[in-house]
Amino acid sequence: MLLTTYTYLLNSADHRDATTWGTYLLEKEKCQNLHLELSVNDGGLGLRKGIKDAFPDADIQLDVFHTEYDFSKAVFSVERSAYRDIKTEEKLRIKAEKRGTDKNIQNYETSVTKAKASIGVYDKLYLLSQWIRELLMIGGYTYDEKMELFYYIIFELEHLKINNDYLKKSLKFIKGNLGDILRFVKNAEISLNRLASDESISVEILHKMWRQLGFSHESADYNYLESEIGLSLGCNYDAIHQKFKALLNKTIRASSIVECINSLIRPYLFLKKVVPDKFLDLLQFYFNTRKYRRSRKSERVGKSPVELLTGMQYPSVLALLGY
């Protein structure tokens, strides 16, 4: 299977409820034979229900970018609060030094205690945020291990008792959708099992390759696993490793293409407030027929998304428009 960046749906709509999403998706199924197997999205309720209504068997996976981004808002908010307490402490220290009254000294000592507590809370929150980022990466822990570690992180966050709306919202979302957030790991493990079966090797070898990704190449853990994998595979090492890398390339964690297109459209929204459907049709046509001049994936260079999708050659964008 060759992954393409073909844009199959780009329309303006008055609503984003399940009925609207379902209607547009079913229209694409009828007109373009769309068959949705996997949707990586931002977790919008209308979108998720609309997909399930149109394609009941579709696998829904939540975009890890939005999980990280929303949680980072809480981290930045708590960080700003800690800096405010530090600045307050500094002001009261200067005031206490200039006017050493009992009240000024008491206010300063109170501010020191508060600033230390704020710094401590932020430090813990920051460390947990880095752990969340690590758990949302490809490789390292298994699905079950990541689930268990996430529950531990949630437990620790709840016991920090931080009164922050961003954190409350983010925690509620993670707790309610953790399985879908980590679905990319579950899907990867299914692919690993299939690869092991196809190659008649132990799936534990592929799990070791997966765990390797969580370590630095210079680390003792990485090299210990490398030696175990090499001894197990012998002369088949290179072939299996290439197939493992190909599997990783098809493991999708984020709806980055959608967010990229959103970033390209957003300036027009700011300028015009409303983007006509005809303009969106033109944008979709451009995105799908524009040939890549460069790409991290060599197979995409010199080809357009529609060419990658169909395997057929098409003229340039301007030629297709009649120029």
Protein backbone atom coordinates (compact mmCIF):
# COMPACT_ATOMS: atom_id res chain seq x y z
CA MET A 1 0.00 0.00 0.00
CA LEU A 2 1.32 3.43 -0.98
CA LEU A 3 0.27 6.25 1.32
CA THR A 4 -0.98 9.35 -0.47
CA THR A 5 -1.94 12.83 0.69
CA TYR A 6 -5.05 12.98 -1.51
CA THR A 7 -7.69 15.39 -0.14
CA TYR A 8 -11.07 13.69 -0.47
CA LEU A 9 -13.25 16.21 1.39
CA LEU A 10 -12.94 20.01 1.49
CA ASN A 11 -16.26 21.83 1.88
CA SER A 12 -17.69 24.72 3.84
CA ALA A 13 -20.64 23.90 6.09
CA ASP A 14 -22.98 25.78 8.40
CA HIS A 15 -22.73 23.08 11.06
CA ARG A 16 -20.22 20.46 12.18
CA ASP A 17 -22.63 18.02 13.81
CA ALA A 18 -22.81 14.29 13.12
CA THR A 19 -25.54 14.67 10.48
CA THR A 20 -23.46 17.15 8.46
CA TRP A 21 -20.32 15.02 8.60
CA GLY A 22 -22.23 11.84 7.81
CA THR A 23 -23.98 13.44 4.84
CA TYR A 24 -20.76 14.68 3.26
CA LEU A 25 -18.97 11.37 3.84
CA LEU A 26 -21.81 9.30 2.37
CA GLU A 27 -21.84 11.62 -0.65
CA LYS A 28 -18.13 10.88 -1.17
CA GLU A 29 -18.82 7.17 -0.81
CA LYS A 30 -21.47 7.38 -3.52
CA CYS A 31 -19.63 9.69 -5.94
CA GLN A 32 -15.98 8.70 -5.40
CA ASN A 33 -16.22 5.20 -3.91
CA LEU A 34 -14.75 6.40 -0.62
CA HIS A 35 -14.25 3.55 1.85
CA LEU A 36 -13.01 4.88 5.16
CA GLU A 37 -11.04 2.33 7.18
CA LEU A 38 -9.14 4.63 9.55
CA SER A 39 -9.79 8.21 10.63
CA VAL A 40 -7.13 10.09 12.59
CA ASN A 41 -8.88 13.23 13.86
CA ASP A 42 -9.02 15.84 16.61
CA GLY A 43 -11.74 14.06 18.59
CA GLY A 44 -14.65 16.35 17.69
CA LEU A 45 -17.88 14.68 18.84
CA GLY A 46 -19.79 15.51 15.66
CA LEU A 47 -16.98 14.24 13.45
CA ARG A 48 -16.57 10.99 15.36
CA LYS A 49 -20.28 10.19 15.39
CA GLY A 50 -20.67 11.20 11.74
CA ILE A 51 -17.88 8.81 10.75
CA LYS A 52 -19.43 5.96 12.73
CA ASP A 53 -22.85 6.65 11.19
CA ALA A 54 -21.43 6.62 7.65
CA PHE A 55 -18.77 3.91 8.13
CA PRO A 56 -19.66 1.74 11.16
CA ASP A 57 -16.55 -0.43 10.74
CA ALA A 58 -14.11 2.50 10.50
CA ASP A 59 -11.33 2.64 13.09
CA ILE A 60 -11.23 6.03 14.85
CA GLN A 61 -7.89 7.17 16.24
CA LEU A 62 -7.35 10.47 18.02
CA ASP A 63 -4.60 12.80 16.87
CA VAL A 64 -1.73 12.90 19.41
CA PHE A 65 -0.88 16.50 18.44
CA HIS A 66 -4.10 17.86 19.93
CA THR A 67 -3.60 15.81 23.10
CA GLU A 68 -0.09 17.25 23.55
CA TYR A 69 -1.09 20.77 22.52
CA ASP A 70 -4.08 21.00 24.84
CA PHE A 71 -2.05 19.66 27.77
CA SER A 72 0.76 22.12 27.00
CA LYS A 73 -1.71 24.98 27.56
CA ALA A 74 -2.05 23.82 31.16
CA VAL A 75 1.73 23.59 31.56
CA PHE A 76 2.27 27.11 30.19
CA SER A 77 -0.55 28.49 32.35
CA VAL A 78 0.91 26.98 35.55
CA GLU A 79 4.37 28.20 34.50
CA ARG A 80 3.09 31.78 34.15
CA SER A 81 1.43 31.51 37.55
CA ALA A 82 4.72 30.37 39.10
CA TYR A 83 6.59 33.30 37.52
CA ARG A 84 3.98 35.71 38.90
CA ASP A 85 4.56 34.31 42.40
CA ILE A 86 8.35 34.62 41.93
CA LYS A 87 7.99 38.27 40.86
CA THR A 88 5.70 38.97 43.80
CA GLU A 89 8.25 37.40 46.14
CA GLU A 90 11.00 39.62 44.69
CA LYS A 91 8.93 42.79 45.07
CA LEU A 92 8.05 41.97 48.66
CA ARG A 93 11.69 41.13 49.42
CA ILE A 94 12.78 44.57 48.25
CA LYS A 95 9.97 46.19 50.18
CA ALA A 96 10.87 44.26 53.35
CA GLU A 97 14.54 45.30 53.01
CA LYS A 98 13.62 48.97 52.63
CA ARG A 99 10.92 49.03 55.27
CA GLY A 100 11.55 46.24 57.72
CA THR A 101 8.17 46.33 59.46
CA ASP A 102 6.72 43.15 60.91
CA LYS A 103 3.91 43.22 58.34
CA ASN A 104 6.30 43.60 55.39
CA ILE A 105 8.52 40.79 56.66
CA GLN A 106 5.52 38.54 57.25
CA ASN A 107 4.18 39.25 53.74
CA TYR A 108 7.59 38.43 52.28
CA GLU A 109 7.87 35.14 54.19
CA THR A 110 4.37 34.17 53.04
CA SER A 111 5.31 34.96 49.42
CA VAL A 112 8.46 32.80 49.69
CA THR A 113 6.37 29.83 50.82
CA LYS A 114 3.86 30.40 48.04
CA ALA A 115 6.55 30.77 45.35
CA LYS A 116 8.31 27.59 46.45
CA ALA A 117 5.02 25.70 46.32
CA SER A 118 4.23 27.07 42.85
CA ILE A 119 7.68 26.13 41.54
CA GLY A 120 7.33 22.64 42.99
CA VAL A 121 3.92 22.13 41.36
CA TYR A 122 5.18 23.39 38.00
CA ASP A 123 8.28 21.17 38.13
CA LYS A 124 6.14 18.08 38.75
CA LEU A 125 3.65 19.07 36.05
CA TYR A 126 6.45 19.70 33.54
CA LEU A 127 8.07 16.32 34.23
CA LEU A 128 4.73 14.55 33.82
CA SER A 129 4.11 16.45 30.57
CA GLN A 130 7.44 15.20 29.21
CA TRP A 131 6.48 11.67 30.17
CA ILE A 132 3.16 12.08 28.33
CA ARG A 133 5.07 13.23 25.25
CA GLU A 134 7.32 10.17 25.49
CA LEU A 135 4.33 7.82 25.79
CA LEU A 136 2.78 9.36 22.66
CA MET A 137 5.88 8.59 20.59
CA ILE A 138 6.24 5.56 18.35
CA GLY A 139 8.17 2.73 20.02
CA GLY A 140 9.24 2.12 23.58
CA TYR A 141 6.50 0.69 25.78
CA THR A 142 3.75 -1.70 24.68
CA TYR A 143 0.09 -0.64 24.45
CA ASP A 144 -0.78 -2.16 27.84
CA GLU A 145 2.27 -0.59 29.47
CA LYS A 146 1.46 2.83 28.03
CA MET A 147 -2.13 2.56 29.24
CA GLU A 148 -0.95 1.64 32.75
CA LEU A 149 1.61 4.47 32.83
CA PHE A 150 -0.99 6.96 31.62
CA TYR A 151 -3.30 5.94 34.47
CA TYR A 152 -0.42 6.51 36.89
CA ILE A 153 0.23 9.97 35.40
CA ILE A 154 -3.47 10.84 35.64
CA PHE A 155 -3.45 9.72 39.29
CA GLU A 156 -0.42 11.92 40.02
CA LEU A 157 -1.93 14.92 38.22
CA GLU A 158 -5.20 14.65 40.12
CA HIS A 159 -3.31 14.53 43.42
CA LEU A 160 -1.40 17.70 42.56
CA LYS A 161 -4.77 19.46 43.04
CA ILE A 162 -3.98 22.24 40.57
CA ASN A 163 -6.89 24.62 40.13
CA ASN A 164 -6.43 25.22 36.41
CA ASP A 165 -9.22 25.09 33.82
CA TYR A 166 -6.87 24.04 31.02
CA LEU A 167 -5.65 21.09 33.07
CA LYS A 168 -9.16 20.04 34.10
CA LYS A 169 -10.31 20.07 30.47
CA SER A 170 -7.24 18.20 29.23
CA LEU A 171 -7.44 15.56 31.97
CA LYS A 172 -11.12 14.98 31.28
CA PHE A 173 -10.40 14.47 27.58
CA ILE A 174 -7.47 12.10 28.18
CA LYS A 175 -9.38 10.01 30.73
CA GLY A 176 -12.39 9.70 28.45
CA ASN A 177 -10.46 8.90 25.27
CA LEU A 178 -7.22 7.21 26.31
CA GLY A 179 -7.85 4.05 24.32
CA ASP A 180 -8.46 6.02 21.11
CA ILE A 181 -5.44 8.27 21.76
CA LEU A 182 -3.18 5.22 21.99
CA ARG A 183 -4.92 3.37 19.17
CA PHE A 184 -1.86 3.88 16.96
CA VAL A 185 0.11 1.63 19.33
CA LYS A 186 -2.58 -1.07 19.26
CA ASN A 187 -2.70 -0.91 15.45
CA ALA A 188 1.09 -1.13 15.28
CA GLU A 189 1.08 -4.22 17.49
CA ILE A 190 -1.51 -5.85 15.21
CA SER A 191 0.79 -5.14 12.26
CA LEU A 192 3.77 -6.56 14.17
CA ASN A 193 1.88 -9.77 14.84
CA ARG A 194 0.94 -10.02 11.17
CA LEU A 195 4.53 -9.44 10.06
CA ALA A 196 5.81 -12.07 12.49
CA SER A 197 3.30 -14.56 11.12
CA ASP A 198 4.18 -13.77 7.50
CA GLU A 199 7.91 -14.15 8.15
CA SER A 200 7.56 -17.15 10.49
CA ILE A 201 9.52 -15.46 13.28
CA SER A 202 8.78 -14.82 16.93
CA VAL A 203 6.77 -11.65 17.48
CA GLU A 204 8.97 -11.00 20.52
CA ILE A 205 11.83 -10.11 18.15
CA LEU A 206 9.70 -7.36 16.56
CA HIS A 207 8.58 -6.18 20.00
CA LYS A 208 12.27 -5.77 20.89
CA MET A 209 12.72 -3.63 17.76
CA TRP A 210 9.73 -1.56 18.89
CA ARG A 211 11.15 -1.20 22.40
CA GLN A 212 14.52 -0.18 20.94
CA LEU A 213 12.95 2.99 19.55
CA GLY A 214 12.55 4.27 23.09
CA PHE A 215 16.31 4.34 23.69
CA SER A 216 19.18 6.39 22.34
CA HIS A 217 21.40 4.59 19.82
CA GLU A 218 24.35 5.17 22.15
CA SER A 219 22.65 3.66 25.20
CA ALA A 220 23.51 0.29 26.69
CA ASP A 221 19.84 -0.77 26.56
CA TYR A 222 19.64 -0.12 22.81
CA ASN A 223 22.81 -2.07 22.06
CA TYR A 224 21.82 -4.95 24.35
CA LEU A 225 18.52 -5.30 22.46
CA GLU A 226 20.39 -4.98 19.15
CA SER A 227 22.62 -7.91 20.04
CA GLU A 228 19.61 -10.05 21.02
CA ILE A 229 17.78 -9.18 17.79
CA GLY A 230 20.88 -9.87 15.69
CA LEU A 231 21.46 -13.26 17.31
CA SER A 232 17.80 -14.22 16.79
CA LEU A 233 17.57 -13.19 13.13
CA GLY A 234 21.06 -13.92 11.91
CA CYS A 235 21.37 -13.39 8.15
CA ASN A 236 17.67 -12.38 7.94
CA TYR A 237 18.32 -9.28 10.05
CA ASP A 238 18.51 -6.73 7.19
CA ALA A 239 15.41 -8.00 5.38
CA ILE A 240 13.27 -8.11 8.54
CA HIS A 241 14.52 -4.74 9.71
CA GLN A 242 13.57 -3.14 6.37
CA LYS A 243 10.07 -4.57 6.64
CA PHE A 244 9.85 -3.32 10.23
CA LYS A 245 10.83 0.19 9.09
CA ALA A 246 8.22 0.04 6.33
CA LEU A 247 5.64 -0.87 8.96
CA LEU A 248 6.65 2.14 11.06
CA ASN A 249 6.22 4.43 8.04
CA LYS A 250 2.59 3.34 7.89
CA THR A 251 2.01 3.92 11.60
CA ILE A 252 0.17 7.24 11.73
CA ARG A 253 -0.09 9.23 14.96
CA ALA A 254 -1.39 12.59 13.78
CA SER A 255 -3.61 14.23 11.17
CA SER A 256 -0.73 16.48 10.13
CA ILE A 257 -1.86 16.81 6.49
CA VAL A 258 -5.26 18.13 7.59
CA GLU A 259 -3.66 20.62 9.97
CA CYS A 260 -1.30 21.74 7.18
CA ILE A 261 -4.22 22.41 4.85
CA ASN A 262 -6.03 24.24 7.66
CA SER A 263 -3.00 26.48 8.10
CA LEU A 264 -3.05 27.30 4.37
CA ILE A 265 -6.76 28.13 4.37
CA ARG A 266 -6.79 30.09 7.63
CA PRO A 267 -5.23 33.30 6.21
CA TYR A 268 -8.09 33.50 3.69
CA LEU A 269 -10.59 33.06 6.53
CA PHE A 270 -9.01 35.95 8.41
CA LEU A 271 -9.13 38.19 5.32
CA LYS A 272 -12.48 37.24 3.82
CA LYS A 273 -14.31 35.80 6.83
CA VAL A 274 -16.08 33.48 4.38
CA VAL A 275 -14.43 31.23 1.80
CA PRO A 276 -16.76 30.34 -1.11
CA ASP A 277 -17.28 26.70 -2.04
CA LYS A 278 -15.90 27.36 -5.53
CA PHE A 279 -12.67 28.60 -4.00
CA LEU A 280 -12.46 25.48 -1.82
CA ASP A 281 -13.03 23.35 -4.92
CA LEU A 282 -10.11 25.12 -6.57
CA LEU A 283 -7.91 24.61 -3.50
CA GLN A 284 -8.78 20.91 -3.36
CA PHE A 285 -8.00 20.58 -7.06
CA TYR A 286 -4.65 22.31 -6.51
CA PHE A 287 -3.69 20.19 -3.49
CA ASN A 288 -4.52 16.96 -5.33
CA THR A 289 -2.84 17.75 -8.67
CA ARG A 290 0.23 19.72 -7.54
CA LYS A 291 3.37 17.66 -8.10
CA TYR A 292 5.83 17.43 -5.22
CA ARG A 293 9.18 19.09 -5.92
CA ARG A 294 10.69 17.54 -2.82
CA SER A 295 9.61 15.18 -0.07
CA ARG A 296 11.07 13.13 2.75
CA LYS A 297 9.47 10.17 0.97
CA SER A 298 11.36 9.69 -2.28
CA GLU A 299 8.43 7.94 -4.00
CA ARG A 300 6.42 11.18 -3.86
CA VAL A 301 8.95 13.41 -5.64
CA GLY A 302 7.67 14.51 -9.05
CA LYS A 303 4.21 13.07 -8.48
CA SER A 304 0.90 14.53 -7.32
CA PRO A 305 -1.43 13.03 -4.67
CA VAL A 306 -3.91 11.92 -7.34
CA GLU A 307 -1.09 10.20 -9.26
CA LEU A 308 0.04 8.42 -6.09
CA LEU A 309 -3.55 7.39 -5.41
CA THR A 310 -4.43 6.09 -8.88
CA GLY A 311 -1.04 5.11 -10.28
CA MET A 312 -1.87 7.11 -13.43
CA GLN A 313 -0.01 10.13 -14.82
CA TYR A 314 -1.66 13.55 -15.09
CA PRO A 315 -0.56 16.86 -16.64
CA SER A 316 0.45 19.80 -14.44
CA VAL A 317 -2.09 21.92 -12.55
CA LEU A 318 -2.07 24.70 -15.15
CA ALA A 319 -2.35 22.24 -18.04
CA LEU A 320 -5.36 20.62 -16.43
CA LEU A 321 -6.93 24.08 -16.11
CA GLY A 322 -6.39 24.67 -19.82
CA TYR A 323 -3.36 26.96 -19.69
